[in-house]
Amino acid sequence: MAKVQKNPDVAARRKLVADRFPEVPVGLLPKDERLLDQISYTNSWIGGSIYIGVFMVGSSLVPPNGPLNLFQAILALLIGLSCIAVAYNLNGAAGNREGIPFVVQTRSCFGFVGSKFPVLIRAVPALFWYGIQTWVGASALNALSTRLFSFDNIWAWFVIFQFVQIALSYFGFEGIKIVQNTGSIIIILALIGMFYVIIKEFGSEIGTNIINIPGTWGYEFWAAVVTIIGVMTAMVLNLSDYTREYHKGSGAKMFVAHWIGSVPVVMFMALIGLLAAGVTGEWDPIVLFTNLLPNSGVLIVALLFVVIAQVTTNVLLNVVPPTYILMDLFGFSYKKGALVTGFIVFLTMPWKIMNAGGFFFFINAYSMFLGPIFAVMLTDYWIIRKRKYDLIELYDKKGRYSGVNWAGIITVIVAGAIGYLIDFKLAWAISIPFGIVIYYVLMKYTKIAAKFLDDNIASGENIKTEAQ
């Protein structure tokens, strides 16, 4: 277990904020004790980045579901995932420096009241992903129990599996760290085993079906890149929830952790999905593994991998966003918020979404809004505020950031609409440049958000952290 790292600079700011605003939940104060070192943080992303969407996206790239050949699919994955790693670093820099979570970070660009809009948009896909992946894990457990004990009841496993995840998430990042450090090793070993079996059993079919075909370098290729980004985009918004737990270090080290944690292993998993789909045409990993892996021992390992992958992703990526939002809205502790989040998942009805058409519509629909939110946050921190945050104002409900920053709200609505009208499938990518320009113009050249500009703040008690 790595030692907890204490950050004295953040500790001083945390104390000042806590003394000034005692009503703020402890979990939302600037984080001065960092739990995750380089290895633990990297392992967290390895475990957290592997989830059902990666299998589905991989299978959607090549025939019979997609138009790309193997080389084009691998390149599309590399480009898309590398872009995500860069986005992680850019939007997570504030959380690592200041120790603030996503719900606090959004207050400068949306306002105290207006920030409820982007954080709720982020919470909804997290809750649905939580439900989808719990259903997938329950399906894997049900397949195991059917094979080993002739017990077939997915509803029972759904309830049992969710209660196990609720228990794990209750312990916060300490529980996350334990699960990720052990789960990531099991996941990598299982992936290697599945890849070996697929190549051994179906090598010739793979060559015929997805290697020796022309594919395309046109619109479909770039649509595939954007879809890959869209699957991962929700995590980009609340990166500060995780970087605030990372030992404060250089941006280069953090990027290495993000790239290793979210590119090679995810590409490998997507590769397995597209190879298997190219042979069977099946995207559902449970059905896929049951058909591809007739050997009981290998099948058991594969299904256990599916279960562990859902746990590692849910407790890191899908529990944290809605939990912090509940803390912000209702003053819950982290543990109470995690419990409530876990029980809300029962209402998401994941069995209704678990089909290929519904899944990709779900991705494109919510990513249409997440792109411009990302653009607003990026522009606000790096360009408007030049990496300087006034922490007192970020926690003062009656201060400079009270109310709604309409520049942020208008930008999200207009940029999202532009992306939708130009191309629904590419809306995430299209909306970002429009969002950057619109937000910058509204903040700098209109009076709509004048009070939100830190240039107008003149208080000796405010804390401004200088860029390093």
Protein backbone atom coordinates (compact mmCIF):
# COMPACT_ATOMS: atom_id res chain seq x y z
CA MET A 1 0.00 0.00 0.00
CA ALA A 2 1.39 3.39 -0.98
CA LYS A 3 1.66 6.05 1.67
CA VAL A 4 -0.78 8.94 1.74
CA GLN A 5 0.91 12.11 0.47
CA LYS A 6 0.17 15.34 2.31
CA ASN A 7 0.21 18.55 0.26
CA PRO A 8 0.98 21.47 2.60
CA ASP A 9 -0.06 24.21 0.13
CA VAL A 10 -3.48 22.68 -0.42
CA ALA A 11 -3.78 21.95 3.32
CA ALA A 12 -3.51 25.67 4.12
CA ARG A 13 -6.16 26.57 1.56
CA ARG A 14 -8.38 23.71 2.74
CA LYS A 15 -8.27 25.02 6.32
CA LEU A 16 -9.13 28.55 5.26
CA VAL A 17 -12.09 27.36 3.17
CA ALA A 18 -13.28 25.02 5.95
CA ASP A 19 -13.08 27.80 8.57
CA ARG A 20 -14.92 30.25 6.35
CA PHE A 21 -17.62 27.82 5.17
CA PRO A 22 -18.20 25.15 7.86
CA GLU A 23 -21.37 23.97 6.09
CA VAL A 24 -19.39 22.54 3.14
CA PRO A 25 -19.27 18.69 3.23
CA VAL A 26 -15.78 17.46 4.06
CA GLY A 27 -15.55 15.51 0.81
CA LEU A 28 -15.96 18.68 -1.27
CA LEU A 29 -13.18 20.66 0.44
CA PRO A 30 -9.82 20.98 -1.36
CA LYS A 31 -8.10 17.59 -1.12
CA ASP A 32 -4.76 17.87 0.68
CA GLU A 33 -4.18 14.16 1.38
CA ARG A 34 -3.47 12.29 -1.86
CA LEU A 35 -4.13 8.56 -1.73
CA LEU A 36 -2.99 7.38 -5.18
CA ASP A 37 0.66 7.26 -6.22
CA GLN A 38 1.82 6.76 -9.83
CA ILE A 39 1.32 2.98 -9.81
CA SER A 40 -2.03 3.02 -8.00
CA TYR A 41 -3.33 5.83 -10.18
CA THR A 42 -2.28 4.04 -13.36
CA ASN A 43 -3.84 0.78 -12.14
CA SER A 44 -7.05 2.66 -11.41
CA TRP A 45 -7.32 3.73 -15.02
CA ILE A 46 -6.41 0.29 -16.32
CA GLY A 47 -9.24 -1.22 -14.31
CA GLY A 48 -11.62 1.67 -14.80
CA SER A 49 -11.23 1.97 -18.56
CA ILE A 50 -12.24 -1.61 -19.30
CA TYR A 51 -15.97 -1.92 -19.62
CA ILE A 52 -18.72 -3.25 -21.82
CA GLY A 53 -18.67 -0.27 -24.18
CA VAL A 54 -15.16 -1.16 -25.33
CA PHE A 55 -16.27 -4.60 -26.55
CA MET A 56 -19.24 -3.06 -28.33
CA VAL A 57 -17.21 -0.31 -29.99
CA GLY A 58 -14.57 -2.81 -31.13
CA SER A 59 -17.22 -5.04 -32.67
CA SER A 60 -18.85 -2.05 -34.39
CA LEU A 61 -15.73 -1.12 -36.35
CA VAL A 62 -15.34 -4.17 -38.60
CA PRO A 63 -17.67 -6.37 -40.70
CA PRO A 64 -20.38 -7.43 -40.31
CA ASN A 65 -21.20 -4.43 -38.09
CA GLY A 66 -18.74 -1.84 -39.43
CA PRO A 67 -16.80 -0.83 -42.59
CA LEU A 68 -13.15 -0.81 -41.46
CA ASN A 69 -10.43 -3.39 -41.93
CA LEU A 70 -8.21 -4.49 -39.05
CA PHE A 71 -5.45 -1.92 -39.59
CA GLN A 72 -7.92 0.96 -39.94
CA ALA A 73 -9.79 -0.13 -36.83
CA ILE A 74 -6.59 -0.28 -34.76
CA LEU A 75 -5.51 3.17 -36.01
CA ALA A 76 -8.94 4.64 -35.25
CA LEU A 77 -8.70 3.25 -31.71
CA LEU A 78 -5.18 4.64 -31.25
CA ILE A 79 -6.17 8.13 -32.42
CA GLY A 80 -9.39 8.27 -30.44
CA LEU A 81 -7.97 6.93 -27.19
CA SER A 82 -4.85 9.12 -27.39
CA CYS A 83 -7.08 12.18 -27.80
CA ILE A 84 -8.96 11.11 -24.68
CA ALA A 85 -5.70 10.79 -22.72
CA VAL A 86 -4.78 14.37 -23.69
CA ALA A 87 -8.26 15.57 -22.70
CA TYR A 88 -7.91 13.81 -19.33
CA ASN A 89 -4.76 15.76 -18.60
CA LEU A 90 -6.15 19.11 -19.71
CA ASN A 91 -9.35 18.93 -17.69
CA GLY A 92 -7.79 17.14 -14.71
CA ALA A 93 -5.04 19.70 -14.17
CA ALA A 94 -7.21 21.93 -11.98
CA GLY A 95 -8.22 19.09 -9.69
CA ASN A 96 -4.65 17.94 -9.23
CA ARG A 97 -3.37 21.45 -8.50
CA GLU A 98 -6.20 22.72 -6.30
CA GLY A 99 -7.62 19.47 -4.92
CA ILE A 100 -11.17 20.41 -5.95
CA PRO A 101 -13.83 18.05 -7.36
CA PHE A 102 -15.81 18.48 -10.58
CA VAL A 103 -18.88 19.98 -8.87
CA VAL A 104 -16.71 22.80 -7.46
CA GLN A 105 -14.66 23.29 -10.63
CA THR A 106 -17.79 24.05 -12.70
CA ARG A 107 -18.84 26.99 -10.50
CA SER A 108 -16.53 29.51 -12.17
CA CYS A 109 -17.89 28.81 -15.65
CA PHE A 110 -21.54 28.03 -14.85
CA GLY A 111 -22.18 29.66 -11.46
CA PHE A 112 -23.34 28.06 -8.21
CA VAL A 113 -26.88 27.56 -9.51
CA GLY A 114 -25.92 27.05 -13.14
CA SER A 115 -23.39 24.33 -12.25
CA LYS A 116 -26.28 22.00 -11.42
CA PHE A 117 -26.90 21.77 -15.18
CA PRO A 118 -23.56 20.25 -16.28
CA VAL A 119 -23.14 18.09 -13.18
CA LEU A 120 -26.59 16.55 -13.61
CA ILE A 121 -25.85 15.93 -17.30
CA ARG A 122 -22.68 14.13 -16.17
CA ALA A 123 -24.51 12.16 -13.49
CA VAL A 124 -27.15 10.69 -15.79
CA PRO A 125 -24.82 8.70 -18.09
CA ALA A 126 -22.81 7.57 -15.05
CA LEU A 127 -25.95 6.13 -13.47
CA PHE A 128 -26.98 4.41 -16.70
CA TRP A 129 -23.47 3.04 -17.24
CA TYR A 130 -23.55 1.81 -13.65
CA GLY A 131 -26.77 -0.04 -14.39
CA ILE A 132 -25.64 -1.40 -17.77
CA GLN A 133 -22.40 -2.77 -16.39
CA THR A 134 -24.09 -4.22 -13.33
CA TRP A 135 -26.45 -6.07 -15.67
CA VAL A 136 -23.49 -7.34 -17.71
CA GLY A 137 -21.73 -8.52 -14.54
CA ALA A 138 -24.92 -10.22 -13.39
CA SER A 139 -25.22 -11.91 -16.79
CA ALA A 140 -21.69 -13.26 -16.44
CA LEU A 141 -22.39 -14.53 -12.92
CA ASN A 142 -25.59 -16.13 -14.14
CA ALA A 143 -23.74 -17.86 -16.98
CA LEU A 144 -21.20 -19.15 -14.46
CA SER A 145 -23.82 -20.43 -12.03
CA THR A 146 -25.76 -22.04 -14.87
CA ARG A 147 -22.66 -23.84 -16.13
CA LEU A 148 -21.36 -24.90 -12.70
CA PHE A 149 -24.49 -25.35 -10.57
CA SER A 150 -27.45 -25.33 -13.00
CA PHE A 151 -28.75 -22.23 -11.21
CA ASP A 152 -30.27 -19.82 -13.74
CA ASN A 153 -31.67 -16.58 -12.28
CA ILE A 154 -30.21 -13.35 -13.63
CA TRP A 155 -32.51 -11.19 -11.48
CA ALA A 156 -31.12 -12.72 -8.30
CA TRP A 157 -27.56 -12.16 -9.50
CA PHE A 158 -28.38 -8.58 -10.50
CA VAL A 159 -29.47 -7.78 -6.94
CA ILE A 160 -26.59 -9.67 -5.30
CA PHE A 161 -23.97 -8.15 -7.58
CA GLN A 162 -25.26 -4.63 -7.00
CA PHE A 163 -25.18 -5.03 -3.22
CA VAL A 164 -21.55 -6.18 -3.45
CA GLN A 165 -20.68 -3.06 -5.48
CA ILE A 166 -22.53 -0.83 -3.02
CA ALA A 167 -20.46 -2.31 -0.20
CA LEU A 168 -17.21 -1.70 -2.09
CA SER A 169 -18.10 1.86 -3.08
CA TYR A 170 -19.04 2.65 0.53
CA PHE A 171 -15.34 2.70 1.46
CA GLY A 172 -14.54 5.47 -1.04
CA PHE A 173 -11.17 5.75 -2.72
CA GLU A 174 -9.53 3.42 -0.22
CA GLY A 175 -11.85 0.64 -1.42
CA ILE A 176 -11.35 1.75 -5.02
CA LYS A 177 -7.57 1.53 -4.63
CA ILE A 178 -7.69 -2.04 -3.27
CA VAL A 179 -10.06 -3.23 -6.01
CA GLN A 180 -8.12 -1.57 -8.84
CA ASN A 181 -4.64 -2.71 -7.79
CA THR A 182 -5.74 -6.36 -7.70
CA GLY A 183 -8.40 -6.26 -10.40
CA SER A 184 -6.18 -4.69 -13.07
CA ILE A 185 -3.71 -7.61 -12.86
CA ILE A 186 -6.48 -10.20 -13.23
CA ILE A 187 -7.98 -8.24 -16.13
CA ILE A 188 -4.71 -8.11 -18.09
CA LEU A 189 -4.04 -11.83 -17.62
CA ALA A 190 -7.59 -12.72 -18.68
CA LEU A 191 -7.34 -10.53 -21.79
CA ILE A 192 -4.12 -12.25 -22.85
CA GLY A 193 -5.78 -15.65 -22.42
CA MET A 194 -8.84 -14.69 -24.46
CA PHE A 195 -6.71 -13.20 -27.24
CA TYR A 196 -4.68 -16.42 -27.45
CA VAL A 197 -7.78 -18.60 -27.72
CA ILE A 198 -9.34 -16.45 -30.44
CA ILE A 199 -6.16 -16.42 -32.57
CA LYS A 200 -5.65 -20.16 -32.11
CA GLU A 201 -9.22 -21.16 -32.93
CA PHE A 202 -10.17 -18.64 -35.61
CA GLY A 203 -6.96 -17.31 -37.17
CA SER A 204 -7.89 -18.10 -40.77
CA GLU A 205 -11.39 -16.62 -40.51
CA ILE A 206 -9.96 -13.40 -39.11
CA GLY A 207 -7.71 -12.99 -42.15
CA THR A 208 -10.58 -13.52 -44.55
CA ASN A 209 -13.18 -11.42 -42.74
CA ILE A 210 -11.36 -8.32 -41.48
CA ILE A 211 -7.75 -8.19 -42.72
CA ASN A 212 -7.99 -8.83 -46.46
CA ILE A 213 -10.72 -6.27 -47.12
CA PRO A 214 -10.34 -2.70 -48.48
CA GLY A 215 -12.15 -0.89 -45.68
CA THR A 216 -12.38 2.90 -45.91
CA TRP A 217 -10.39 6.00 -45.00
CA GLY A 218 -13.33 8.35 -45.56
CA TYR A 219 -16.21 9.58 -43.42
CA GLU A 220 -16.77 6.20 -41.76
CA PHE A 221 -13.18 6.09 -40.49
CA TRP A 222 -13.43 9.49 -38.78
CA ALA A 223 -16.94 8.70 -37.52
CA ALA A 224 -15.40 5.64 -35.85
CA VAL A 225 -12.73 7.83 -34.21
CA VAL A 226 -15.39 10.19 -32.86
CA THR A 227 -17.52 7.28 -31.61
CA ILE A 228 -14.53 5.92 -29.71
CA ILE A 229 -14.02 9.35 -28.12
CA GLY A 230 -17.74 9.58 -27.43
CA VAL A 231 -17.72 6.33 -25.43
CA MET A 232 -15.02 7.74 -23.12
CA THR A 233 -16.08 11.38 -23.13
CA ALA A 234 -18.24 11.38 -20.00
CA MET A 235 -15.15 10.57 -17.91
CA VAL A 236 -13.32 13.61 -19.29
CA LEU A 237 -15.63 16.08 -17.56
CA ASN A 238 -15.10 15.00 -13.97
CA LEU A 239 -11.39 14.12 -14.17
CA SER A 240 -10.79 16.41 -11.21
CA ASP A 241 -12.65 13.90 -9.03
CA TYR A 242 -9.73 11.51 -9.63
CA THR A 243 -6.73 13.79 -10.17
CA ARG A 244 -7.38 15.34 -6.75
CA GLU A 245 -6.53 11.91 -5.31
CA TYR A 246 -3.30 11.64 -7.33
CA HIS A 247 0.03 12.53 -5.69
CA LYS A 248 0.70 16.03 -6.95
CA GLY A 249 3.35 15.83 -9.65
CA SER A 250 4.24 16.99 -13.14
CA GLY A 251 1.72 17.06 -15.95
CA ALA A 252 3.98 14.72 -17.91
CA LYS A 253 3.81 12.02 -15.24
CA MET A 254 0.04 12.37 -15.03
CA PHE A 255 -0.24 12.07 -18.82
CA VAL A 256 1.84 8.87 -18.76
CA ALA A 257 -0.58 7.41 -16.21
CA HIS A 258 -3.58 8.46 -18.30
CA TRP A 259 -2.12 7.15 -21.55
CA ILE A 260 -0.97 3.79 -20.17
CA GLY A 261 -4.22 3.38 -18.25
CA SER A 262 -6.56 4.26 -21.09
CA VAL A 263 -4.85 3.36 -24.39
CA PRO A 264 -2.96 0.00 -24.58
CA VAL A 265 -5.32 -2.10 -22.47
CA VAL A 266 -8.47 -0.56 -23.93
CA MET A 267 -7.12 -1.08 -27.44
CA PHE A 268 -6.35 -4.68 -26.57
CA MET A 269 -9.86 -5.25 -25.26
CA ALA A 270 -11.44 -3.58 -28.28
CA LEU A 271 -9.20 -5.71 -30.49
CA ILE A 272 -10.60 -8.85 -28.87
CA GLY A 273 -14.13 -7.54 -29.41
CA LEU A 274 -13.57 -6.77 -33.08
CA LEU A 275 -11.72 -10.03 -33.78
CA ALA A 276 -14.47 -12.07 -32.17
CA ALA A 277 -17.23 -10.08 -33.87
CA GLY A 278 -15.48 -10.48 -37.20
CA VAL A 279 -15.77 -14.23 -36.77
CA THR A 280 -19.20 -14.58 -35.14
CA GLY A 281 -20.99 -11.29 -35.76
CA GLU A 282 -21.90 -11.20 -32.07
CA TRP A 283 -21.30 -8.07 -29.94
CA ASP A 284 -22.65 -9.23 -26.55
CA PRO A 285 -19.56 -10.37 -24.59
CA ILE A 286 -21.46 -12.96 -22.56
CA VAL A 287 -22.91 -14.66 -25.65
CA LEU A 288 -19.62 -14.09 -27.44
CA PHE A 289 -17.47 -15.83 -24.83
CA THR A 290 -19.96 -18.65 -24.38
CA ASN A 291 -19.81 -19.37 -28.11
CA LEU A 292 -16.09 -18.80 -28.59
CA LEU A 293 -14.73 -20.53 -25.52
CA PRO A 294 -16.13 -24.05 -25.35
CA ASN A 295 -13.51 -25.14 -22.81
CA SER A 296 -15.11 -24.83 -19.36
CA GLY A 297 -11.94 -23.69 -17.59
CA VAL A 298 -11.19 -20.92 -20.06
CA LEU A 299 -14.85 -19.87 -20.14
CA ILE A 300 -14.95 -19.57 -16.36
CA VAL A 301 -11.85 -17.35 -16.39
CA ALA A 302 -13.35 -15.19 -19.16
CA LEU A 303 -16.64 -14.75 -17.32
CA LEU A 304 -14.85 -13.92 -14.08
CA PHE A 305 -12.93 -11.31 -16.04
CA VAL A 306 -16.23 -9.77 -17.19
CA VAL A 307 -17.43 -9.61 -13.58
CA ILE A 308 -14.23 -8.01 -12.24
CA ALA A 309 -14.09 -5.54 -15.13
CA GLN A 310 -17.57 -4.28 -14.28
CA VAL A 311 -16.67 -3.83 -10.61
CA THR A 312 -13.41 -1.96 -11.28
CA THR A 313 -15.13 0.41 -13.70
CA ASN A 314 -18.25 1.01 -11.63
CA VAL A 315 -16.57 1.74 -8.29
CA LEU A 316 -14.14 4.18 -9.92
CA LEU A 317 -15.99 5.88 -12.76
CA ASN A 318 -19.71 5.45 -12.24
CA VAL A 319 -20.14 5.77 -8.47
CA VAL A 320 -18.05 8.90 -7.96
CA PRO A 321 -19.84 11.48 -10.24
CA PRO A 322 -23.40 11.06 -8.88
CA THR A 323 -22.07 10.66 -5.33
CA TYR A 324 -20.27 14.00 -5.42
CA ILE A 325 -23.36 15.58 -6.94
CA LEU A 326 -25.53 14.27 -4.10
CA MET A 327 -22.97 15.68 -1.67
CA ASP A 328 -23.22 19.06 -3.39
CA LEU A 329 -27.02 19.13 -3.67
CA PHE A 330 -28.00 17.65 -0.32
CA GLY A 331 -24.90 17.88 1.87
CA PHE A 332 -24.52 14.08 2.04
CA SER A 333 -21.33 12.45 3.26
CA TYR A 334 -19.45 10.42 0.63
CA LYS A 335 -20.63 7.14 2.17
CA LYS A 336 -24.29 8.17 2.24
CA GLY A 337 -24.06 9.50 -1.32
CA ALA A 338 -22.51 6.22 -2.52
CA LEU A 339 -25.29 4.23 -0.86
CA VAL A 340 -28.06 6.34 -2.41
CA THR A 341 -26.36 6.16 -5.82
CA GLY A 342 -26.20 2.39 -5.57
CA PHE A 343 -29.91 2.09 -4.88
CA ILE A 344 -30.88 4.53 -7.67
CA VAL A 345 -29.19 2.14 -10.13
CA PHE A 346 -32.02 -0.34 -9.62
CA LEU A 347 -34.31 2.21 -11.34
CA THR A 348 -32.22 2.55 -14.54
CA MET A 349 -33.61 -0.67 -16.10
CA PRO A 350 -30.43 -1.58 -18.01
CA TRP A 351 -32.08 -4.54 -19.72
CA LYS A 352 -34.02 -1.99 -21.81
CA ILE A 353 -30.82 -0.38 -23.16
CA MET A 354 -28.82 -3.54 -23.76
CA ASN A 355 -29.10 -3.75 -27.51
CA ALA A 356 -26.63 -2.49 -30.08
CA GLY A 357 -28.93 0.16 -31.60
CA GLY A 358 -30.02 1.56 -28.25
CA PHE A 359 -26.48 1.53 -26.95
CA PHE A 360 -24.97 3.67 -29.71
CA PHE A 361 -27.93 6.08 -29.77
CA PHE A 362 -27.39 6.48 -26.02
CA ILE A 363 -23.69 7.32 -26.58
CA ASN A 364 -24.31 9.84 -29.35
CA ALA A 365 -27.23 11.52 -27.54
CA TYR A 366 -25.44 12.32 -24.27
CA SER A 367 -22.04 13.08 -25.86
CA MET A 368 -23.72 15.86 -27.86
CA PHE A 369 -23.88 17.91 -24.64
CA LEU A 370 -20.70 16.68 -22.99
CA GLY A 371 -18.51 18.05 -25.78
CA PRO A 372 -19.51 21.71 -25.31
CA ILE A 373 -19.37 21.36 -21.49
CA PHE A 374 -15.78 20.17 -21.88
CA ALA A 375 -15.07 23.11 -24.20
CA VAL A 376 -16.44 25.58 -21.65
CA MET A 377 -14.42 24.12 -18.77
CA LEU A 378 -11.24 23.99 -20.85
CA THR A 379 -11.59 27.57 -22.06
CA ASP A 380 -12.48 28.88 -18.63
CA TYR A 381 -9.48 27.35 -16.82
CA TRP A 382 -6.72 27.60 -19.42
CA ILE A 383 -7.66 30.77 -21.35
CA ILE A 384 -10.03 32.95 -19.32
CA ARG A 385 -8.48 32.38 -15.87
CA LYS A 386 -5.00 31.37 -17.06
CA ARG A 387 -4.80 28.52 -14.54
CA LYS A 388 -5.67 30.75 -11.58
CA TYR A 389 -8.65 29.92 -9.38
CA ASP A 390 -10.09 32.04 -6.59
CA LEU A 391 -10.94 29.26 -4.14
CA ILE A 392 -12.84 31.44 -1.69
CA GLU A 393 -15.21 32.47 -4.48
CA LEU A 394 -15.61 28.85 -5.61
CA TYR A 395 -17.03 28.01 -2.17
CA ASP A 396 -18.96 31.22 -1.44
CA LYS A 397 -22.63 30.77 -2.39
CA LYS A 398 -23.21 34.51 -2.04
CA GLY A 399 -19.99 35.57 -3.75
CA ARG A 400 -18.84 36.42 -7.24
CA TYR A 401 -19.94 33.07 -8.70
CA SER A 402 -23.44 33.06 -7.18
CA GLY A 403 -26.37 32.50 -9.50
CA VAL A 404 -25.96 31.46 -13.14
CA ASN A 405 -23.16 32.19 -15.57
CA TRP A 406 -25.28 32.40 -18.69
CA ALA A 407 -22.21 32.44 -20.91
CA GLY A 408 -21.61 28.78 -20.00
CA ILE A 409 -25.25 27.72 -20.32
CA ILE A 410 -25.78 29.46 -23.67
CA THR A 411 -22.54 28.00 -25.02
CA VAL A 412 -23.55 24.43 -24.19
CA ILE A 413 -27.01 24.81 -25.76
CA VAL A 414 -25.84 26.60 -28.92
CA ALA A 415 -22.70 24.53 -29.55
CA GLY A 416 -24.61 21.29 -28.85
CA ALA A 417 -27.36 22.32 -31.27
CA ILE A 418 -24.78 23.17 -33.95
CA GLY A 419 -23.14 19.77 -33.57
CA TYR A 420 -26.52 18.03 -33.74
CA LEU A 421 -27.62 19.91 -36.86
CA ILE A 422 -24.36 19.37 -38.74
CA ASP A 423 -23.95 15.67 -37.95
CA PHE A 424 -25.52 13.80 -35.03
CA LYS A 425 -22.84 11.09 -35.08
CA LEU A 426 -19.99 13.63 -35.03
CA ALA A 427 -21.70 16.12 -32.70
CA TRP A 428 -19.19 15.66 -29.86
CA ALA A 429 -16.21 16.68 -31.98
CA ILE A 430 -18.02 19.38 -33.94
CA SER A 431 -19.35 21.10 -30.83
CA ILE A 432 -15.94 21.56 -29.14
CA PRO A 433 -14.37 24.25 -31.40
CA PHE A 434 -17.70 26.08 -31.56
CA GLY A 435 -17.96 25.87 -27.78
CA ILE A 436 -14.48 27.31 -27.25
CA VAL A 437 -15.13 30.29 -29.53
CA ILE A 438 -18.64 31.02 -28.26
CA TYR A 439 -17.68 30.90 -24.59
CA TYR A 440 -14.58 33.05 -25.09
CA VAL A 441 -16.52 35.70 -27.00
CA LEU A 442 -19.35 35.78 -24.44
CA MET A 443 -16.94 36.06 -21.52
CA LYS A 444 -14.56 38.61 -23.03
CA TYR A 445 -16.70 40.76 -25.31
CA THR A 446 -20.16 40.88 -23.73
CA LYS A 447 -21.52 41.94 -20.34
CA ILE A 448 -23.55 38.78 -19.90
CA ALA A 449 -21.02 37.30 -17.46
CA ALA A 450 -19.07 40.37 -16.32
CA LYS A 451 -19.26 39.56 -12.62
CA PHE A 452 -17.74 36.11 -13.22
CA LEU A 453 -14.46 37.57 -14.49
CA ASP A 454 -11.80 37.43 -11.78
CA ASP A 455 -10.34 40.68 -13.13
CA ASN A 456 -13.23 42.41 -11.37
CA ILE A 457 -12.52 40.85 -7.97
CA ALA A 458 -10.71 43.09 -5.55
CA SER A 459 -10.52 41.43 -2.15
CA GLY A 460 -7.38 40.88 -0.19
CA GLU A 461 -8.90 37.80 1.45
CA ASN A 462 -9.34 35.90 -1.80
CA ILE A 463 -6.93 33.09 -2.56
CA LYS A 464 -5.42 33.07 -6.01
CA THR A 465 -3.02 30.31 -6.87
CA GLU A 466 -0.35 31.30 -9.31
CA ALA A 467 0.46 29.06 -12.27
CA GLN A 468 3.66 27.16 -11.72
